[in-house]
Amino acid sequence: MIIIDAIKSELQLNIEDDLLLSYIDTAVRYAEEYQKHPSGYYLQRALPPKVKEAIILLVQHLHIHNSGNIKSRHELNYIHTLLMF
């Protein structure tokens, strides 16, 4: 699973851990659903590098758009590409 400090460092985020955890949870659930994995799939496994990158980008997307929702937007195309392995 992704470590909070690693995401904060990589994205240079200065937000509360609770908010960041909610973004991470949303991003992981999105990745699992997009890849048709059962809920909790990535809690039991190491994240493949492309999935980790996609989750980090999803967290950044959620933070920038200040929402707990992931909407179908043009900018998510690259993230979808990462999740199709």
N, C-alpha and C. Protein backbone atom coordinates (compact mmCIF):
# COMPACT_ATOMS: atom_id res chain seq x y z
N MET A 1 0.85 -1.18 0.00
CA MET A 1 0.00 0.00 0.00
C MET A 1 0.89 1.24 0.00
N ILE A 2 0.36 2.31 -0.51
CA ILE A 2 1.12 3.56 -0.60
C ILE A 2 1.22 4.19 0.78
N ILE A 3 2.39 4.70 1.09
CA ILE A 3 2.62 5.38 2.36
C ILE A 3 2.27 6.85 2.20
N ILE A 4 1.57 7.38 3.20
CA ILE A 4 1.12 8.78 3.15
C ILE A 4 2.29 9.74 2.93
N ASP A 5 3.36 9.55 3.68
CA ASP A 5 4.50 10.46 3.57
C ASP A 5 5.10 10.46 2.17
N ALA A 6 5.11 9.30 1.51
CA ALA A 6 5.66 9.23 0.16
C ALA A 6 4.82 10.06 -0.81
N ILE A 7 3.50 10.00 -0.65
CA ILE A 7 2.62 10.78 -1.53
C ILE A 7 2.79 12.26 -1.23
N LYS A 8 2.81 12.62 0.05
CA LYS A 8 2.99 14.03 0.42
C LYS A 8 4.28 14.57 -0.16
N SER A 9 5.34 13.77 -0.07
CA SER A 9 6.63 14.20 -0.57
C SER A 9 6.64 14.31 -2.09
N GLU A 10 6.13 13.29 -2.76
CA GLU A 10 6.15 13.28 -4.22
C GLU A 10 5.29 14.39 -4.82
N LEU A 11 4.13 14.62 -4.22
CA LEU A 11 3.22 15.64 -4.75
C LEU A 11 3.38 16.98 -4.07
N GLN A 12 4.24 17.03 -3.05
CA GLN A 12 4.48 18.24 -2.27
C GLN A 12 3.16 18.81 -1.73
N LEU A 13 2.39 17.91 -1.12
CA LEU A 13 1.10 18.30 -0.56
C LEU A 13 1.26 18.69 0.90
N ASN A 14 0.54 19.69 1.29
CA ASN A 14 0.51 20.11 2.68
C ASN A 14 -0.95 20.08 3.14
N ILE A 15 -1.47 18.86 3.31
CA ILE A 15 -2.86 18.70 3.72
C ILE A 15 -2.93 17.76 4.91
N GLU A 16 -4.06 17.76 5.58
CA GLU A 16 -4.26 16.90 6.74
C GLU A 16 -4.25 15.43 6.33
N ASP A 17 -3.73 14.60 7.21
CA ASP A 17 -3.64 13.17 6.92
C ASP A 17 -5.02 12.56 6.66
N ASP A 18 -6.04 12.98 7.39
CA ASP A 18 -7.38 12.41 7.20
C ASP A 18 -7.90 12.68 5.79
N LEU A 19 -7.69 13.89 5.30
CA LEU A 19 -8.13 14.22 3.95
C LEU A 19 -7.33 13.43 2.92
N LEU A 20 -6.02 13.34 3.13
CA LEU A 20 -5.17 12.58 2.22
C LEU A 20 -5.58 11.11 2.20
N LEU A 21 -5.87 10.55 3.37
CA LEU A 21 -6.30 9.16 3.44
C LEU A 21 -7.60 8.94 2.67
N SER A 22 -8.50 9.91 2.74
CA SER A 22 -9.75 9.76 1.99
C SER A 22 -9.48 9.81 0.49
N TYR A 23 -8.55 10.65 0.05
CA TYR A 23 -8.16 10.69 -1.36
C TYR A 23 -7.53 9.36 -1.79
N ILE A 24 -6.65 8.84 -0.96
CA ILE A 24 -5.99 7.56 -1.27
C ILE A 24 -7.02 6.45 -1.36
N ASP A 25 -7.93 6.40 -0.39
CA ASP A 25 -8.98 5.38 -0.39
C ASP A 25 -9.82 5.45 -1.66
N THR A 26 -10.21 6.66 -2.03
CA THR A 26 -11.01 6.85 -3.25
C THR A 26 -10.23 6.41 -4.49
N ALA A 27 -8.95 6.79 -4.55
CA ALA A 27 -8.12 6.43 -5.71
C ALA A 27 -7.91 4.93 -5.81
N VAL A 28 -7.67 4.27 -4.68
CA VAL A 28 -7.46 2.82 -4.69
C VAL A 28 -8.75 2.11 -5.10
N ARG A 29 -9.88 2.54 -4.54
CA ARG A 29 -11.16 1.93 -4.92
C ARG A 29 -11.45 2.14 -6.41
N TYR A 30 -11.12 3.32 -6.92
CA TYR A 30 -11.31 3.60 -8.34
C TYR A 30 -10.46 2.64 -9.19
N ALA A 31 -9.20 2.47 -8.80
CA ALA A 31 -8.30 1.57 -9.54
C ALA A 31 -8.83 0.14 -9.50
N GLU A 32 -9.27 -0.31 -8.34
CA GLU A 32 -9.80 -1.67 -8.22
C GLU A 32 -11.04 -1.85 -9.09
N GLU A 33 -11.95 -0.89 -9.05
CA GLU A 33 -13.17 -0.98 -9.85
C GLU A 33 -12.85 -0.92 -11.35
N TYR A 34 -11.95 -0.03 -11.73
CA TYR A 34 -11.60 0.12 -13.14
C TYR A 34 -11.00 -1.18 -13.69
N GLN A 35 -10.19 -1.84 -12.85
CA GLN A 35 -9.54 -3.08 -13.28
C GLN A 35 -10.39 -4.31 -12.98
N LYS A 36 -11.59 -4.09 -12.47
CA LYS A 36 -12.52 -5.17 -12.15
C LYS A 36 -11.97 -6.13 -11.10
N HIS A 37 -11.25 -5.59 -10.13
CA HIS A 37 -10.77 -6.36 -8.99
C HIS A 37 -11.77 -6.22 -7.85
N PRO A 38 -11.81 -7.20 -6.96
CA PRO A 38 -12.70 -7.06 -5.80
C PRO A 38 -12.21 -5.96 -4.86
N SER A 39 -13.13 -5.41 -4.10
CA SER A 39 -12.78 -4.38 -3.11
C SER A 39 -11.74 -4.94 -2.14
N GLY A 40 -10.72 -4.16 -1.86
CA GLY A 40 -9.65 -4.59 -0.95
C GLY A 40 -8.52 -5.35 -1.64
N TYR A 41 -8.61 -5.50 -2.94
CA TYR A 41 -7.61 -6.26 -3.71
C TYR A 41 -6.19 -5.75 -3.44
N TYR A 42 -6.02 -4.43 -3.47
CA TYR A 42 -4.67 -3.88 -3.31
C TYR A 42 -4.25 -3.73 -1.85
N LEU A 43 -5.15 -4.04 -0.92
CA LEU A 43 -4.75 -4.07 0.49
C LEU A 43 -3.94 -5.32 0.78
N GLN A 44 -4.13 -6.34 -0.04
CA GLN A 44 -3.49 -7.64 0.17
C GLN A 44 -2.29 -7.87 -0.73
N ARG A 45 -2.00 -6.92 -1.60
CA ARG A 45 -0.92 -7.11 -2.58
C ARG A 45 -0.07 -5.86 -2.72
N ALA A 46 1.13 -6.08 -3.19
CA ALA A 46 1.99 -4.93 -3.52
C ALA A 46 1.44 -4.28 -4.79
N LEU A 47 1.51 -2.97 -4.83
CA LEU A 47 1.02 -2.25 -6.00
C LEU A 47 2.02 -2.36 -7.15
N PRO A 48 1.57 -2.76 -8.32
CA PRO A 48 2.45 -2.70 -9.49
C PRO A 48 2.83 -1.24 -9.73
N PRO A 49 4.02 -0.98 -10.26
CA PRO A 49 4.48 0.40 -10.45
C PRO A 49 3.50 1.30 -11.22
N LYS A 50 2.89 0.79 -12.28
CA LYS A 50 1.96 1.63 -13.05
C LYS A 50 0.69 1.93 -12.26
N VAL A 51 0.24 0.99 -11.46
CA VAL A 51 -0.94 1.22 -10.63
C VAL A 51 -0.61 2.23 -9.54
N LYS A 52 0.57 2.11 -8.97
CA LYS A 52 1.00 3.09 -7.95
C LYS A 52 1.04 4.49 -8.56
N GLU A 53 1.60 4.60 -9.75
CA GLU A 53 1.66 5.90 -10.43
C GLU A 53 0.26 6.44 -10.69
N ALA A 54 -0.64 5.56 -11.14
CA ALA A 54 -2.02 5.98 -11.40
C ALA A 54 -2.69 6.46 -10.12
N ILE A 55 -2.48 5.77 -9.03
CA ILE A 55 -3.09 6.17 -7.75
C ILE A 55 -2.55 7.51 -7.29
N ILE A 56 -1.26 7.70 -7.43
CA ILE A 56 -0.67 9.00 -7.05
C ILE A 56 -1.27 10.12 -7.90
N LEU A 57 -1.42 9.89 -9.20
CA LEU A 57 -2.01 10.89 -10.08
C LEU A 57 -3.48 11.13 -9.74
N LEU A 58 -4.19 10.07 -9.37
CA LEU A 58 -5.59 10.23 -8.97
C LEU A 58 -5.70 11.05 -7.69
N VAL A 59 -4.80 10.81 -6.74
CA VAL A 59 -4.78 11.60 -5.51
C VAL A 59 -4.55 13.07 -5.85
N GLN A 60 -3.61 13.32 -6.73
CA GLN A 60 -3.33 14.70 -7.15
C GLN A 60 -4.58 15.30 -7.82
N HIS A 61 -5.23 14.55 -8.67
CA HIS A 61 -6.44 15.01 -9.34
C HIS A 61 -7.51 15.38 -8.32
N LEU A 62 -7.72 14.50 -7.33
CA LEU A 62 -8.72 14.77 -6.30
C LEU A 62 -8.38 16.02 -5.51
N HIS A 63 -7.11 16.18 -5.19
CA HIS A 63 -6.68 17.35 -4.43
C HIS A 63 -6.88 18.64 -5.23
N ILE A 64 -6.48 18.62 -6.48
CA ILE A 64 -6.61 19.81 -7.33
C ILE A 64 -8.07 20.20 -7.51
N HIS A 65 -8.91 19.20 -7.71
CA HIS A 65 -10.32 19.47 -7.94
C HIS A 65 -11.12 19.50 -6.64
N ASN A 66 -10.42 19.31 -5.51
CA ASN A 66 -11.00 19.43 -4.18
C ASN A 66 -12.33 18.70 -4.07
N SER A 67 -12.27 17.42 -4.45
CA SER A 67 -13.50 16.64 -4.39
C SER A 67 -13.17 15.20 -4.09
N GLY A 68 -14.13 14.49 -3.55
CA GLY A 68 -13.96 13.07 -3.29
C GLY A 68 -14.45 12.23 -4.45
N ASN A 69 -14.79 12.87 -5.55
CA ASN A 69 -15.32 12.14 -6.70
C ASN A 69 -14.34 12.16 -7.85
N ILE A 70 -14.33 11.08 -8.57
CA ILE A 70 -13.53 11.02 -9.79
C ILE A 70 -14.51 11.06 -10.94
N LYS A 71 -14.40 12.06 -11.73
CA LYS A 71 -15.32 12.26 -12.84
C LYS A 71 -14.60 11.90 -14.14
N SER A 72 -15.36 11.49 -15.12
CA SER A 72 -14.79 11.19 -16.43
C SER A 72 -14.36 12.51 -17.06
N ARG A 73 -13.10 12.75 -17.08
CA ARG A 73 -12.54 13.97 -17.67
C ARG A 73 -11.42 13.57 -18.61
N HIS A 74 -11.19 14.43 -19.55
CA HIS A 74 -10.14 14.19 -20.55
C HIS A 74 -8.80 13.92 -19.87
N GLU A 75 -8.51 14.64 -18.79
CA GLU A 75 -7.21 14.48 -18.13
C GLU A 75 -7.02 13.13 -17.48
N LEU A 76 -8.08 12.34 -17.34
CA LEU A 76 -7.96 11.01 -16.74
C LEU A 76 -7.56 9.94 -17.75
N ASN A 77 -7.47 10.29 -19.02
CA ASN A 77 -7.12 9.30 -20.04
C ASN A 77 -5.78 8.63 -19.75
N TYR A 78 -4.78 9.40 -19.35
CA TYR A 78 -3.47 8.83 -19.05
C TYR A 78 -3.56 7.87 -17.88
N ILE A 79 -4.33 8.24 -16.87
CA ILE A 79 -4.50 7.36 -15.70
C ILE A 79 -5.15 6.07 -16.12
N HIS A 80 -6.15 6.14 -16.97
CA HIS A 80 -6.79 4.92 -17.46
C HIS A 80 -5.80 4.06 -18.23
N THR A 81 -4.94 4.67 -18.99
CA THR A 81 -3.91 3.94 -19.73
C THR A 81 -3.00 3.18 -18.77
N LEU A 82 -2.63 3.82 -17.67
CA LEU A 82 -1.77 3.16 -16.68
C LEU A 82 -2.46 1.95 -16.04
N LEU A 83 -3.76 2.05 -15.87
CA LEU A 83 -4.49 0.99 -15.20
C LEU A 83 -4.81 -0.19 -16.12
N MET A 84 -4.59 -0.03 -17.41
CA MET A 84 -4.82 -1.13 -18.37
C MET A 84 -3.50 -1.86 -18.62
N PHE A 85 -3.19 -2.79 -17.78
CA PHE A 85 -1.96 -3.56 -17.99
C PHE A 85 -2.24 -5.00 -18.24
